[in-house]
Amino acid sequence: MVKRDKLEIIKDILKIIKENHGHMKMTPLLRKSNLSSKRFADYKTDLLDREMIFETEDKKKGRQILITPKGMEFLEKYRAIVHFVEEFDL
């Protein structure tokens, strides 16, 4: 099993949120990200600090994590970098 690096984990978390209509409850996101709760909390804090996600609380929907435009931009640039690396077989 290959370990994911930091950028890949960030990409995975943001992609999971994006694929869930841009928002998601905390527990399903934790499960789908395949991280321990401690590591997930560290990444969540990092992404909040970098303004790639934000957290909201609603009486009906509960606590939700949403992807920001900056998080969407990260996904686009990540995809471009991966494409570049694959194109030049680096």
N, C-alpha and C. Protein backbone atom coordinates (compact mmCIF):
# COMPACT_ATOMS: atom_id res chain seq x y z
N MET A 1 0.85 -1.18 0.00
CA MET A 1 0.00 0.00 0.00
C MET A 1 0.89 1.24 0.00
N VAL A 2 0.66 2.13 -0.94
CA VAL A 2 1.46 3.34 -1.08
C VAL A 2 0.89 4.43 -0.19
N LYS A 3 1.77 5.10 0.56
CA LYS A 3 1.34 6.20 1.42
C LYS A 3 1.08 7.45 0.57
N ARG A 4 0.05 8.18 0.94
CA ARG A 4 -0.25 9.43 0.24
C ARG A 4 0.58 10.55 0.85
N ASP A 5 1.04 11.47 0.00
CA ASP A 5 1.75 12.63 0.52
C ASP A 5 0.74 13.71 0.90
N LYS A 6 1.24 14.78 1.49
CA LYS A 6 0.37 15.83 2.02
C LYS A 6 -0.52 16.44 0.93
N LEU A 7 0.05 16.75 -0.23
CA LEU A 7 -0.74 17.36 -1.30
C LEU A 7 -1.84 16.42 -1.79
N GLU A 8 -1.53 15.14 -1.85
CA GLU A 8 -2.52 14.17 -2.30
C GLU A 8 -3.68 14.04 -1.29
N ILE A 9 -3.36 14.10 -0.02
CA ILE A 9 -4.40 14.02 1.01
C ILE A 9 -5.28 15.26 0.95
N ILE A 10 -4.66 16.43 0.79
CA ILE A 10 -5.44 17.67 0.66
C ILE A 10 -6.35 17.57 -0.56
N LYS A 11 -5.79 17.11 -1.68
CA LYS A 11 -6.58 16.95 -2.91
C LYS A 11 -7.75 16.01 -2.67
N ASP A 12 -7.50 14.89 -1.99
CA ASP A 12 -8.56 13.91 -1.73
C ASP A 12 -9.68 14.51 -0.89
N ILE A 13 -9.32 15.23 0.17
CA ILE A 13 -10.35 15.84 1.03
C ILE A 13 -11.18 16.84 0.25
N LEU A 14 -10.52 17.72 -0.49
CA LEU A 14 -11.24 18.74 -1.27
C LEU A 14 -12.10 18.10 -2.35
N LYS A 15 -11.58 17.07 -2.99
CA LYS A 15 -12.33 16.39 -4.06
C LYS A 15 -13.58 15.70 -3.50
N ILE A 16 -13.46 15.10 -2.33
CA ILE A 16 -14.62 14.45 -1.70
C ILE A 16 -15.71 15.49 -1.44
N ILE A 17 -15.31 16.65 -0.92
CA ILE A 17 -16.30 17.70 -0.65
C ILE A 17 -16.92 18.18 -1.96
N LYS A 18 -16.09 18.45 -2.96
CA LYS A 18 -16.58 18.94 -4.26
C LYS A 18 -17.57 17.96 -4.86
N GLU A 19 -17.26 16.68 -4.82
CA GLU A 19 -18.13 15.67 -5.41
C GLU A 19 -19.43 15.48 -4.64
N ASN A 20 -19.50 16.06 -3.46
CA ASN A 20 -20.72 15.99 -2.65
C ASN A 20 -21.44 17.35 -2.70
N HIS A 21 -21.48 17.94 -3.87
CA HIS A 21 -22.15 19.21 -4.11
C HIS A 21 -21.52 20.38 -3.35
N GLY A 22 -20.23 20.26 -3.02
CA GLY A 22 -19.50 21.37 -2.40
C GLY A 22 -19.65 21.48 -0.90
N HIS A 23 -20.39 20.56 -0.29
CA HIS A 23 -20.54 20.60 1.17
C HIS A 23 -20.75 19.19 1.70
N MET A 24 -20.39 19.03 2.97
CA MET A 24 -20.46 17.68 3.54
C MET A 24 -20.42 17.74 5.06
N LYS A 25 -21.10 16.79 5.68
CA LYS A 25 -21.01 16.68 7.14
C LYS A 25 -19.65 16.11 7.52
N MET A 26 -19.23 16.43 8.73
CA MET A 26 -17.91 16.07 9.21
C MET A 26 -17.65 14.57 9.25
N THR A 27 -18.53 13.80 9.83
CA THR A 27 -18.29 12.36 10.02
C THR A 27 -18.14 11.60 8.70
N PRO A 28 -19.04 11.81 7.73
CA PRO A 28 -18.84 11.12 6.45
C PRO A 28 -17.54 11.55 5.75
N LEU A 29 -17.18 12.82 5.88
CA LEU A 29 -15.93 13.30 5.29
C LEU A 29 -14.74 12.62 5.94
N LEU A 30 -14.77 12.50 7.25
CA LEU A 30 -13.70 11.80 7.98
C LEU A 30 -13.58 10.37 7.49
N ARG A 31 -14.70 9.66 7.38
CA ARG A 31 -14.67 8.27 6.93
C ARG A 31 -14.14 8.14 5.51
N LYS A 32 -14.64 8.98 4.61
CA LYS A 32 -14.25 8.88 3.20
C LYS A 32 -12.80 9.32 2.96
N SER A 33 -12.26 10.16 3.84
CA SER A 33 -10.88 10.63 3.64
C SER A 33 -9.87 9.56 4.04
N ASN A 34 -10.32 8.54 4.74
CA ASN A 34 -9.47 7.42 5.14
C ASN A 34 -8.27 7.87 5.98
N LEU A 35 -8.54 8.75 6.95
CA LEU A 35 -7.52 9.24 7.87
C LEU A 35 -7.98 8.95 9.30
N SER A 36 -7.02 8.91 10.21
CA SER A 36 -7.40 8.81 11.62
C SER A 36 -8.05 10.13 12.03
N SER A 37 -8.80 10.12 13.10
CA SER A 37 -9.45 11.37 13.52
C SER A 37 -8.44 12.45 13.87
N LYS A 38 -7.31 12.08 14.43
CA LYS A 38 -6.26 13.06 14.77
C LYS A 38 -5.67 13.69 13.50
N ARG A 39 -5.30 12.84 12.54
CA ARG A 39 -4.73 13.37 11.29
C ARG A 39 -5.76 14.19 10.53
N PHE A 40 -7.02 13.73 10.53
CA PHE A 40 -8.07 14.48 9.86
C PHE A 40 -8.22 15.86 10.50
N ALA A 41 -8.21 15.91 11.83
CA ALA A 41 -8.34 17.19 12.54
C ALA A 41 -7.20 18.14 12.17
N ASP A 42 -5.99 17.60 12.05
CA ASP A 42 -4.84 18.41 11.65
C ASP A 42 -5.02 18.97 10.24
N TYR A 43 -5.45 18.14 9.32
CA TYR A 43 -5.66 18.60 7.94
C TYR A 43 -6.82 19.58 7.87
N LYS A 44 -7.87 19.33 8.62
CA LYS A 44 -9.02 20.24 8.64
C LYS A 44 -8.59 21.61 9.12
N THR A 45 -7.82 21.67 10.20
CA THR A 45 -7.32 22.94 10.72
C THR A 45 -6.46 23.65 9.69
N ASP A 46 -5.58 22.90 9.04
CA ASP A 46 -4.71 23.46 8.01
C ASP A 46 -5.53 24.03 6.85
N LEU A 47 -6.52 23.29 6.39
CA LEU A 47 -7.35 23.76 5.29
C LEU A 47 -8.21 24.96 5.68
N LEU A 48 -8.68 25.00 6.91
CA LEU A 48 -9.41 26.17 7.40
C LEU A 48 -8.49 27.39 7.45
N ASP A 49 -7.27 27.21 7.97
CA ASP A 49 -6.31 28.31 8.05
C ASP A 49 -5.94 28.84 6.67
N ARG A 50 -5.86 27.94 5.68
CA ARG A 50 -5.51 28.34 4.31
C ARG A 50 -6.72 28.81 3.51
N GLU A 51 -7.89 28.82 4.15
CA GLU A 51 -9.15 29.27 3.56
C GLU A 51 -9.55 28.47 2.32
N MET A 52 -9.24 27.17 2.33
CA MET A 52 -9.67 26.28 1.25
C MET A 52 -11.01 25.64 1.56
N ILE A 53 -11.36 25.61 2.85
CA ILE A 53 -12.67 25.14 3.30
C ILE A 53 -13.16 26.09 4.38
N PHE A 54 -14.44 26.04 4.66
CA PHE A 54 -14.96 26.71 5.85
C PHE A 54 -16.06 25.85 6.45
N GLU A 55 -16.32 26.13 7.71
CA GLU A 55 -17.26 25.33 8.48
C GLU A 55 -18.48 26.19 8.79
N THR A 56 -19.64 25.59 8.69
CA THR A 56 -20.87 26.30 8.99
C THR A 56 -21.77 25.41 9.85
N GLU A 57 -22.63 26.03 10.60
CA GLU A 57 -23.56 25.29 11.46
C GLU A 57 -24.97 25.75 11.12
N ASP A 58 -25.85 24.79 10.90
CA ASP A 58 -27.24 25.06 10.55
C ASP A 58 -28.10 24.18 11.44
N LYS A 59 -29.21 24.72 11.93
CA LYS A 59 -30.07 23.93 12.81
C LYS A 59 -30.63 22.70 12.11
N LYS A 60 -30.96 22.81 10.82
CA LYS A 60 -31.51 21.68 10.08
C LYS A 60 -30.42 20.70 9.64
N LYS A 61 -29.36 21.23 9.03
CA LYS A 61 -28.34 20.38 8.43
C LYS A 61 -27.20 20.04 9.38
N GLY A 62 -27.08 20.74 10.49
CA GLY A 62 -25.98 20.50 11.42
C GLY A 62 -24.70 21.15 10.94
N ARG A 63 -23.58 20.65 11.44
CA ARG A 63 -22.28 21.21 11.07
C ARG A 63 -21.86 20.68 9.71
N GLN A 64 -21.46 21.59 8.84
CA GLN A 64 -21.07 21.22 7.48
C GLN A 64 -19.70 21.82 7.15
N ILE A 65 -18.96 21.13 6.30
CA ILE A 65 -17.70 21.62 5.75
C ILE A 65 -17.98 21.97 4.29
N LEU A 66 -17.61 23.16 3.88
CA LEU A 66 -17.82 23.61 2.51
C LEU A 66 -16.49 23.94 1.86
N ILE A 67 -16.38 23.69 0.56
CA ILE A 67 -15.18 24.04 -0.18
C ILE A 67 -15.31 25.49 -0.64
N THR A 68 -14.22 26.22 -0.59
CA THR A 68 -14.20 27.63 -1.00
C THR A 68 -13.69 27.74 -2.44
N PRO A 69 -13.83 28.92 -3.04
CA PRO A 69 -13.23 29.13 -4.37
C PRO A 69 -11.72 28.85 -4.37
N LYS A 70 -11.04 29.17 -3.29
CA LYS A 70 -9.61 28.89 -3.20
C LYS A 70 -9.35 27.38 -3.21
N GLY A 71 -10.21 26.61 -2.56
CA GLY A 71 -10.10 25.16 -2.57
C GLY A 71 -10.34 24.60 -3.97
N MET A 72 -11.31 25.18 -4.68
CA MET A 72 -11.58 24.76 -6.07
C MET A 72 -10.38 25.07 -6.95
N GLU A 73 -9.76 26.22 -6.74
CA GLU A 73 -8.58 26.62 -7.51
C GLU A 73 -7.43 25.64 -7.25
N PHE A 74 -7.27 25.21 -5.99
CA PHE A 74 -6.24 24.23 -5.67
C PHE A 74 -6.45 22.96 -6.48
N LEU A 75 -7.69 22.48 -6.56
CA LEU A 75 -7.98 21.25 -7.30
C LEU A 75 -7.63 21.41 -8.78
N GLU A 76 -7.96 22.56 -9.36
CA GLU A 76 -7.66 22.80 -10.77
C GLU A 76 -6.15 22.80 -11.01
N LYS A 77 -5.40 23.50 -10.14
CA LYS A 77 -3.95 23.58 -10.31
C LYS A 77 -3.29 22.24 -10.03
N TYR A 78 -3.80 21.49 -9.08
CA TYR A 78 -3.27 20.16 -8.78
C TYR A 78 -3.42 19.26 -10.01
N ARG A 79 -4.61 19.33 -10.61
CA ARG A 79 -4.88 18.52 -11.80
C ARG A 79 -3.93 18.91 -12.94
N ALA A 80 -3.66 20.21 -13.11
CA ALA A 80 -2.75 20.68 -14.15
C ALA A 80 -1.32 20.18 -13.91
N ILE A 81 -0.89 20.20 -12.66
CA ILE A 81 0.46 19.73 -12.32
C ILE A 81 0.59 18.23 -12.60
N VAL A 82 -0.40 17.46 -12.18
CA VAL A 82 -0.37 16.02 -12.42
C VAL A 82 -0.34 15.74 -13.93
N HIS A 83 -1.14 16.47 -14.68
CA HIS A 83 -1.16 16.30 -16.14
C HIS A 83 0.22 16.62 -16.73
N PHE A 84 0.84 17.69 -16.27
CA PHE A 84 2.17 18.08 -16.74
C PHE A 84 3.19 16.98 -16.46
N VAL A 85 3.19 16.47 -15.23
CA VAL A 85 4.15 15.43 -14.84
C VAL A 85 3.93 14.18 -15.69
N GLU A 86 2.69 13.80 -15.90
CA GLU A 86 2.39 12.61 -16.71
C GLU A 86 2.77 12.82 -18.18
N GLU A 87 2.51 14.01 -18.69
CA GLU A 87 2.80 14.32 -20.09
C GLU A 87 4.29 14.20 -20.40
N PHE A 88 5.12 14.61 -19.47
CA PHE A 88 6.58 14.57 -19.69
C PHE A 88 7.22 13.35 -19.03
N ASP A 89 6.38 12.44 -18.56
CA ASP A 89 6.86 11.19 -17.96
C ASP A 89 7.92 11.44 -16.89
N LEU A 90 7.62 12.38 -16.00
CA LEU A 90 8.56 12.72 -14.93
C LEU A 90 8.30 11.92 -13.67
